[in-house]
PDB file of N, CA and C in Angstrom:
ATOM      1  N   UNK A   1       0.849  -1.172   0.000  1.00  0.00           N
ATOM      2  CA  UNK A   1       0.000   0.000   0.000  1.00  0.00           C
ATOM      3  C   UNK A   1       0.894   1.235   0.000  1.00  0.00           C
ATOM      4  N   UNK A   2       0.699   2.079  -0.983  1.00  0.00           N
ATOM      5  CA  UNK A   2       1.539   3.257  -1.113  1.00  0.00           C
ATOM      6  C   UNK A   2       0.970   4.492  -0.432  1.00  0.00           C
ATOM      7  N   UNK A   3      -0.365   4.650  -0.462  1.00  0.00           N
ATOM      8  CA  UNK A   3      -0.930   5.891   0.035  1.00  0.00           C
ATOM      9  C   UNK A   3      -2.325   5.676   0.614  1.00  0.00           C
ATOM     10  N   UNK A   4      -2.601   6.379   1.702  1.00  0.00           N
ATOM     11  CA  UNK A   4      -3.951   6.459   2.259  1.00  0.00           C
ATOM     12  C   UNK A   4      -4.452   7.885   2.060  1.00  0.00           C
ATOM     13  N   UNK A   5      -5.732   8.022   1.739  1.00  0.00           N
ATOM     14  CA  UNK A   5      -6.332   9.332   1.555  1.00  0.00           C
ATOM     15  C   UNK A   5      -7.396   9.534   2.621  1.00  0.00           C
ATOM     16  N   UNK A   6      -7.295  10.655   3.320  1.00  0.00           N
ATOM     17  CA  UNK A   6      -8.277  11.029   4.334  1.00  0.00           C
ATOM     18  C   UNK A   6      -9.052  12.240   3.851  1.00  0.00           C
ATOM     19  N   UNK A   7     -10.368  12.187   3.993  1.00  0.00           N
ATOM     20  CA  UNK A   7     -11.210  13.338   3.741  1.00  0.00           C
ATOM     21  C   UNK A   7     -11.364  14.070   5.070  1.00  0.00           C
ATOM     22  N   UNK A   8     -10.941  15.327   5.112  1.00  0.00           N
ATOM     23  CA  UNK A   8     -10.971  16.115   6.338  1.00  0.00           C
ATOM     24  C   UNK A   8     -12.016  17.216   6.177  1.00  0.00           C
ATOM     25  N   UNK A   9     -12.916  17.295   7.137  1.00  0.00           N
ATOM     26  CA  UNK A   9     -13.935  18.349   7.121  1.00  0.00           C
ATOM     27  C   UNK A   9     -13.801  19.181   8.390  1.00  0.00           C
ATOM     28  N   UNK A  10     -14.072  20.475   8.242  1.00  0.00           N
ATOM     29  CA  UNK A  10     -14.033  21.368   9.395  1.00  0.00           C
ATOM     30  C   UNK A  10     -15.433  21.442   9.989  1.00  0.00           C
ATOM     31  N   UNK A  11     -15.517  21.207  11.281  1.00  0.00           N
ATOM     32  CA  UNK A  11     -16.791  21.227  11.981  1.00  0.00           C
ATOM     33  C   UNK A  11     -17.198  22.655  12.322  1.00  0.00           C
ATOM     34  N   UNK A  12     -18.449  22.846  12.678  1.00  0.00           N
ATOM     35  CA  UNK A  12     -18.953  24.174  13.025  1.00  0.00           C
ATOM     36  C   UNK A  12     -18.214  24.787  14.209  1.00  0.00           C
ATOM     37  N   UNK A  13     -17.764  23.942  15.136  1.00  0.00           N
ATOM     38  CA  UNK A  13     -17.058  24.444  16.317  1.00  0.00           C
ATOM     39  C   UNK A  13     -15.594  24.784  16.034  1.00  0.00           C
ATOM     40  N   UNK A  14     -15.154  24.556  14.801  1.00  0.00           N
ATOM     41  CA  UNK A  14     -13.786  24.882  14.427  1.00  0.00           C
ATOM     42  C   UNK A  14     -12.857  23.694  14.402  1.00  0.00           C
ATOM     43  N   UNK A  15     -13.255  22.567  14.983  1.00  0.00           N
ATOM     44  CA  UNK A  15     -12.421  21.373  14.966  1.00  0.00           C
ATOM     45  C   UNK A  15     -12.481  20.682  13.614  1.00  0.00           C
ATOM     46  N   UNK A  16     -11.704  19.621  13.477  1.00  0.00           N
ATOM     47  CA  UNK A  16     -11.618  18.882  12.224  1.00  0.00           C
ATOM     48  C   UNK A  16     -11.915  17.408  12.457  1.00  0.00           C
ATOM     49  N   UNK A  17     -12.574  16.773  11.485  1.00  0.00           N
ATOM     50  CA  UNK A  17     -12.802  15.331  11.476  1.00  0.00           C
ATOM     51  C   UNK A  17     -12.138  14.760  10.238  1.00  0.00           C
ATOM     52  N   UNK A  18     -11.441  13.633  10.390  1.00  0.00           N
ATOM     53  CA  UNK A  18     -10.732  13.008   9.279  1.00  0.00           C
ATOM     54  C   UNK A  18     -11.183  11.560   9.154  1.00  0.00           C
ATOM     55  N   UNK A  19     -11.571  11.163   7.942  1.00  0.00           N
ATOM     56  CA  UNK A  19     -12.021   9.805   7.678  1.00  0.00           C
ATOM     57  C   UNK A  19     -11.273   9.255   6.475  1.00  0.00           C
ATOM     58  N   UNK A  20     -10.679   8.080   6.655  1.00  0.00           N
ATOM     59  CA  UNK A  20      -9.956   7.428   5.571  1.00  0.00           C
ATOM     60  C   UNK A  20     -10.965   6.911   4.547  1.00  0.00           C
ATOM     61  N   UNK A  21     -10.646   7.063   3.263  1.00  0.00           N
ATOM     62  CA  UNK A  21     -11.557   6.646   2.208  1.00  0.00           C
ATOM     63  C   UNK A  21     -11.454   5.168   1.871  1.00  0.00           C
ATOM     64  N   UNK A  22     -10.369   4.496   2.283  1.00  0.00           N
ATOM     65  CA  UNK A  22     -10.182   3.091   1.910  1.00  0.00           C
ATOM     66  C   UNK A  22     -10.115   2.130   3.095  1.00  0.00           C
ATOM     67  N   UNK A  23      -9.846   2.624   4.270  1.00  0.00           N
ATOM     68  CA  UNK A  23      -9.766   1.790   5.472  1.00  0.00           C
ATOM     69  C   UNK A  23     -10.712   2.353   6.525  1.00  0.00           C
ATOM     70  N   UNK A  24     -10.990   1.568   7.541  1.00  0.00           N
ATOM     71  CA  UNK A  24     -11.901   1.987   8.607  1.00  0.00           C
ATOM     72  C   UNK A  24     -11.126   2.748   9.687  1.00  0.00           C
ATOM     73  N   UNK A  25     -10.654   3.951   9.317  1.00  0.00           N
ATOM     74  CA  UNK A  25      -9.871   4.783  10.226  1.00  0.00           C
ATOM     75  C   UNK A  25     -10.545   6.148  10.300  1.00  0.00           C
ATOM     76  N   UNK A  26     -10.793   6.605  11.510  1.00  0.00           N
ATOM     77  CA  UNK A  26     -11.442   7.897  11.736  1.00  0.00           C
ATOM     78  C   UNK A  26     -10.799   8.552  12.946  1.00  0.00           C
ATOM     79  N   UNK A  27     -10.574   9.866  12.861  1.00  0.00           N
ATOM     80  CA  UNK A  27     -10.038  10.596  13.996  1.00  0.00           C
ATOM     81  C   UNK A  27     -10.460  12.063  13.894  1.00  0.00           C
ATOM     82  N   UNK A  28     -10.092  12.844  14.891  1.00  0.00           N
ATOM     83  CA  UNK A  28     -10.451  14.257  14.906  1.00  0.00           C
ATOM     84  C   UNK A  28      -9.396  15.041  15.659  1.00  0.00           C
ATOM     85  N   UNK A  29      -9.495  16.372  15.569  1.00  0.00           N
ATOM     86  CA  UNK A  29      -8.583  17.247  16.287  1.00  0.00           C
ATOM     87  C   UNK A  29      -9.161  18.645  16.361  1.00  0.00           C
ATOM     88  N   UNK A  30      -8.753  19.386  17.381  1.00  0.00           N
ATOM     89  CA  UNK A  30      -9.253  20.754  17.564  1.00  0.00           C
ATOM     90  C   UNK A  30      -8.610  21.740  16.598  1.00  0.00           C
ATOM     91  N   UNK A  31      -7.384  21.449  16.154  1.00  0.00           N
ATOM     92  CA  UNK A  31      -6.666  22.311  15.223  1.00  0.00           C
ATOM     93  C   UNK A  31      -6.164  21.469  14.053  1.00  0.00           C
ATOM     94  N   UNK A  32      -5.702  22.156  12.997  1.00  0.00           N
ATOM     95  CA  UNK A  32      -5.159  21.436  11.837  1.00  0.00           C
ATOM     96  C   UNK A  32      -3.924  20.621  12.253  1.00  0.00           C
ATOM     97  N   UNK A  33      -3.079  21.196  13.078  1.00  0.00           N
ATOM     98  CA  UNK A  33      -1.891  20.487  13.544  1.00  0.00           C
ATOM     99  C   UNK A  33      -2.278  19.249  14.351  1.00  0.00           C
ATOM    100  N   UNK A  34      -3.310  19.387  15.186  1.00  0.00           N
ATOM    101  CA  UNK A  34      -3.753  18.259  16.010  1.00  0.00           C
ATOM    102  C   UNK A  34      -4.330  17.138  15.154  1.00  0.00           C
ATOM    103  N   UNK A  35      -5.115  17.484  14.147  1.00  0.00           N
ATOM    104  CA  UNK A  35      -5.693  16.429  13.307  1.00  0.00           C
ATOM    105  C   UNK A  35      -4.598  15.737  12.494  1.00  0.00           C
ATOM    106  N   UNK A  36      -3.581  16.469  12.076  1.00  0.00           N
ATOM    107  CA  UNK A  36      -2.456  15.847  11.354  1.00  0.00           C
ATOM    108  C   UNK A  36      -1.760  14.812  12.245  1.00  0.00           C
ATOM    109  N   UNK A  37      -1.467  15.210  13.474  1.00  0.00           N
ATOM    110  CA  UNK A  37      -0.816  14.302  14.422  1.00  0.00           C
ATOM    111  C   UNK A  37      -1.708  13.103  14.727  1.00  0.00           C
ATOM    112  N   UNK A  38      -3.004  13.345  14.938  1.00  0.00           N
ATOM    113  CA  UNK A  38      -3.935  12.269  15.269  1.00  0.00           C
ATOM    114  C   UNK A  38      -4.117  11.286  14.112  1.00  0.00           C
ATOM    115  N   UNK A  39      -4.084  11.778  12.879  1.00  0.00           N
ATOM    116  CA  UNK A  39      -4.168  10.882  11.717  1.00  0.00           C
ATOM    117  C   UNK A  39      -2.957   9.965  11.687  1.00  0.00           C
ATOM    118  N   UNK A  40      -1.773  10.514  11.896  1.00  0.00           N
ATOM    119  CA  UNK A  40      -0.564   9.689  11.899  1.00  0.00           C
ATOM    120  C   UNK A  40      -0.618   8.628  12.996  1.00  0.00           C
ATOM    121  N   UNK A  41      -1.054   9.003  14.185  1.00  0.00           N
ATOM    122  CA  UNK A  41      -1.169   8.045  15.287  1.00  0.00           C
ATOM    123  C   UNK A  41      -2.222   6.979  14.986  1.00  0.00           C
ATOM    124  N   UNK A  42      -3.351   7.379  14.403  1.00  0.00           N
ATOM    125  CA  UNK A  42      -4.410   6.425  14.077  1.00  0.00           C
ATOM    126  C   UNK A  42      -3.947   5.424  13.023  1.00  0.00           C
ATOM    127  N   UNK A  43      -3.187   5.884  12.049  1.00  0.00           N
ATOM    128  CA  UNK A  43      -2.677   4.986  11.006  1.00  0.00           C
ATOM    129  C   UNK A  43      -1.671   4.007  11.604  1.00  0.00           C
ATOM    130  N   UNK A  44      -0.770   4.512  12.452  1.00  0.00           N
ATOM    131  CA  UNK A  44       0.190   3.602  13.103  1.00  0.00           C
ATOM    132  C   UNK A  44      -0.538   2.561  13.951  1.00  0.00           C
ATOM    133  N   UNK A  45      -1.572   2.977  14.668  1.00  0.00           N
ATOM    134  CA  UNK A  45      -2.339   2.036  15.480  1.00  0.00           C
ATOM    135  C   UNK A  45      -3.101   1.031  14.642  1.00  0.00           C
ATOM    136  N   UNK A  46      -3.648   1.453  13.534  1.00  0.00           N
ATOM    137  CA  UNK A  46      -4.414   0.560  12.661  1.00  0.00           C
ATOM    138  C   UNK A  46      -3.524  -0.504  12.040  1.00  0.00           C
ATOM    139  N   UNK A  47      -2.299  -0.146  11.668  1.00  0.00           N
ATOM    140  CA  UNK A  47      -1.386  -1.064  10.985  1.00  0.00           C
ATOM    141  C   UNK A  47      -0.305  -1.625  11.916  1.00  0.00           C
ATOM    142  N   UNK A  48      -0.513  -1.560  13.242  1.00  0.00           N
ATOM    143  CA  UNK A  48       0.555  -1.932  14.183  1.00  0.00           C
ATOM    144  C   UNK A  48       1.031  -3.370  14.028  1.00  0.00           C
ATOM    145  N   UNK A  49       0.167  -4.272  13.604  1.00  0.00           N
ATOM    146  CA  UNK A  49       0.554  -5.688  13.504  1.00  0.00           C
ATOM    147  C   UNK A  49       0.694  -6.164  12.064  1.00  0.00           C
ATOM    148  N   UNK A  50       0.785  -5.253  11.126  1.00  0.00           N
ATOM    149  CA  UNK A  50       0.905  -5.616   9.717  1.00  0.00           C
ATOM    150  C   UNK A  50       2.262  -5.170   9.177  1.00  0.00           C
ATOM    151  N   UNK A  51       2.887  -6.004   8.366  1.00  0.00           N
ATOM    152  CA  UNK A  51       4.221  -5.660   7.868  1.00  0.00           C
ATOM    153  C   UNK A  51       4.216  -4.507   6.858  1.00  0.00           C
ATOM    154  N   UNK A  52       3.159  -4.375   6.054  1.00  0.00           N
ATOM    155  CA  UNK A  52       3.108  -3.327   5.040  1.00  0.00           C
ATOM    156  C   UNK A  52       2.282  -2.150   5.549  1.00  0.00           C
ATOM    157  N   UNK A  53       2.927  -1.022   5.703  1.00  0.00           N
ATOM    158  CA  UNK A  53       2.230   0.191   6.120  1.00  0.00           C
ATOM    159  C   UNK A  53       2.292   1.198   4.974  1.00  0.00           C
ATOM    160  N   UNK A  54       1.343   2.112   4.905  1.00  0.00           N
ATOM    161  CA  UNK A  54       1.354   3.091   3.811  1.00  0.00           C
ATOM    162  C   UNK A  54       2.574   4.005   3.863  1.00  0.00           C
ATOM    163  N   UNK A  55       3.089   4.332   2.697  1.00  0.00           N
ATOM    164  CA  UNK A  55       4.252   5.219   2.618  1.00  0.00           C
ATOM    165  C   UNK A  55       3.859   6.684   2.751  1.00  0.00           C
ATOM    166  N   UNK A  56       2.649   7.008   2.279  1.00  0.00           N
ATOM    167  CA  UNK A  56       2.189   8.400   2.336  1.00  0.00           C
ATOM    168  C   UNK A  56       0.766   8.448   2.854  1.00  0.00           C
ATOM    169  N   UNK A  57       0.463   9.566   3.503  1.00  0.00           N
ATOM    170  CA  UNK A  57      -0.898   9.846   3.959  1.00  0.00           C
ATOM    171  C   UNK A  57      -1.287  11.194   3.353  1.00  0.00           C
ATOM    172  N   UNK A  58      -2.374  11.184   2.621  1.00  0.00           N
ATOM    173  CA  UNK A  58      -2.850  12.422   1.981  1.00  0.00           C
ATOM    174  C   UNK A  58      -4.076  12.920   2.734  1.00  0.00           C
ATOM    175  N   UNK A  59      -4.058  14.188   3.114  1.00  0.00           N
ATOM    176  CA  UNK A  59      -5.198  14.822   3.772  1.00  0.00           C
ATOM    177  C   UNK A  59      -5.879  15.730   2.750  1.00  0.00           C
ATOM    178  N   UNK A  60      -7.136  15.429   2.477  1.00  0.00           N
ATOM    179  CA  UNK A  60      -7.913  16.203   1.508  1.00  0.00           C
ATOM    180  C   UNK A  60      -8.932  17.026   2.288  1.00  0.00           C
ATOM    181  N   UNK A  61      -8.688  18.333   2.383  1.00  0.00           N
ATOM    182  CA  UNK A  61      -9.571  19.224   3.133  1.00  0.00           C
ATOM    183  C   UNK A  61     -10.773  19.583   2.278  1.00  0.00           C
ATOM    184  N   UNK A  62     -11.966  19.267   2.796  1.00  0.00           N
ATOM    185  CA  UNK A  62     -13.218  19.570   2.107  1.00  0.00           C
ATOM    186  C   UNK A  62     -13.839  20.765   2.801  1.00  0.00           C
ATOM    187  N   UNK A  63     -14.094  21.789   2.029  1.00  0.00           N
ATOM    188  CA  UNK A  63     -14.662  23.013   2.605  1.00  0.00           C
ATOM    189  C   UNK A  63     -16.051  23.229   2.024  1.00  0.00           C
ATOM    190  N   UNK A  64     -17.020  23.348   2.897  1.00  0.00           N
ATOM    191  CA  UNK A  64     -18.411  23.573   2.504  1.00  0.00           C
ATOM    192  C   UNK A  64     -18.795  24.966   2.963  1.00  0.00           C
ATOM    193  N   UNK A  65     -19.111  25.837   2.012  1.00  0.00           N
ATOM    194  CA  UNK A  65     -19.411  27.217   2.358  1.00  0.00           C
ATOM    195  C   UNK A  65     -20.757  27.605   1.746  1.00  0.00           C
ATOM    196  N   UNK A  66     -21.610  28.215   2.543  1.00  0.00           N
ATOM    197  CA  UNK A  66     -22.927  28.656   2.074  1.00  0.00           C
ATOM    198  C   UNK A  66     -22.904  30.174   1.967  1.00  0.00           C
ATOM    199  N   UNK A  67     -23.269  30.677   0.804  1.00  0.00           N
ATOM    200  CA  UNK A  67     -23.336  32.110   0.571  1.00  0.00           C
ATOM    201  C   UNK A  67     -24.786  32.526   0.467  1.00  0.00           C
ATOM    202  N   UNK A  68     -25.146  33.561   1.195  1.00  0.00           N
ATOM    203  CA  UNK A  68     -26.513  34.063   1.152  1.00  0.00           C
ATOM    204  C   UNK A  68     -26.666  34.981  -0.051  1.00  0.00           C
ATOM    205  N   UNK A  69     -27.770  34.849  -0.755  1.00  0.00           N
ATOM    206  CA  UNK A  69     -28.049  35.705  -1.897  1.00  0.00           C
ATOM    207  C   UNK A  69     -28.711  36.978  -1.401  1.00  0.00           C
ATOM    208  N   UNK A  70     -28.007  38.084  -1.540  1.00  0.00           N
ATOM    209  CA  UNK A  70     -28.512  39.341  -0.984  1.00  0.00           C
ATOM    210  C   UNK A  70     -29.420  40.086  -1.922  1.00  0.00           C
TER     211      UNK A  70
END
C-alpha cells in the first residue's frame, strides 16, 4: 500500500474530522496540527501488527461554504 487518503472536514465548532476513504480509520482534532498528528497516530495504530504500512498519507480538506443571496 503506497498511500492512504483522508477526507478532512471542518466542523462548526472549528475542529476537524478526518475519515480514511479506503480503510476503517477515523479521527479528529481541535486544530489542523492536532488532526495531522492524530491521523498519523491512528494509522500507526491501525497497521501496528501488519508488515506493510502506507508510505504516504494524503489529507484532503473539504470546505463547505454557504453564501446568502442578498
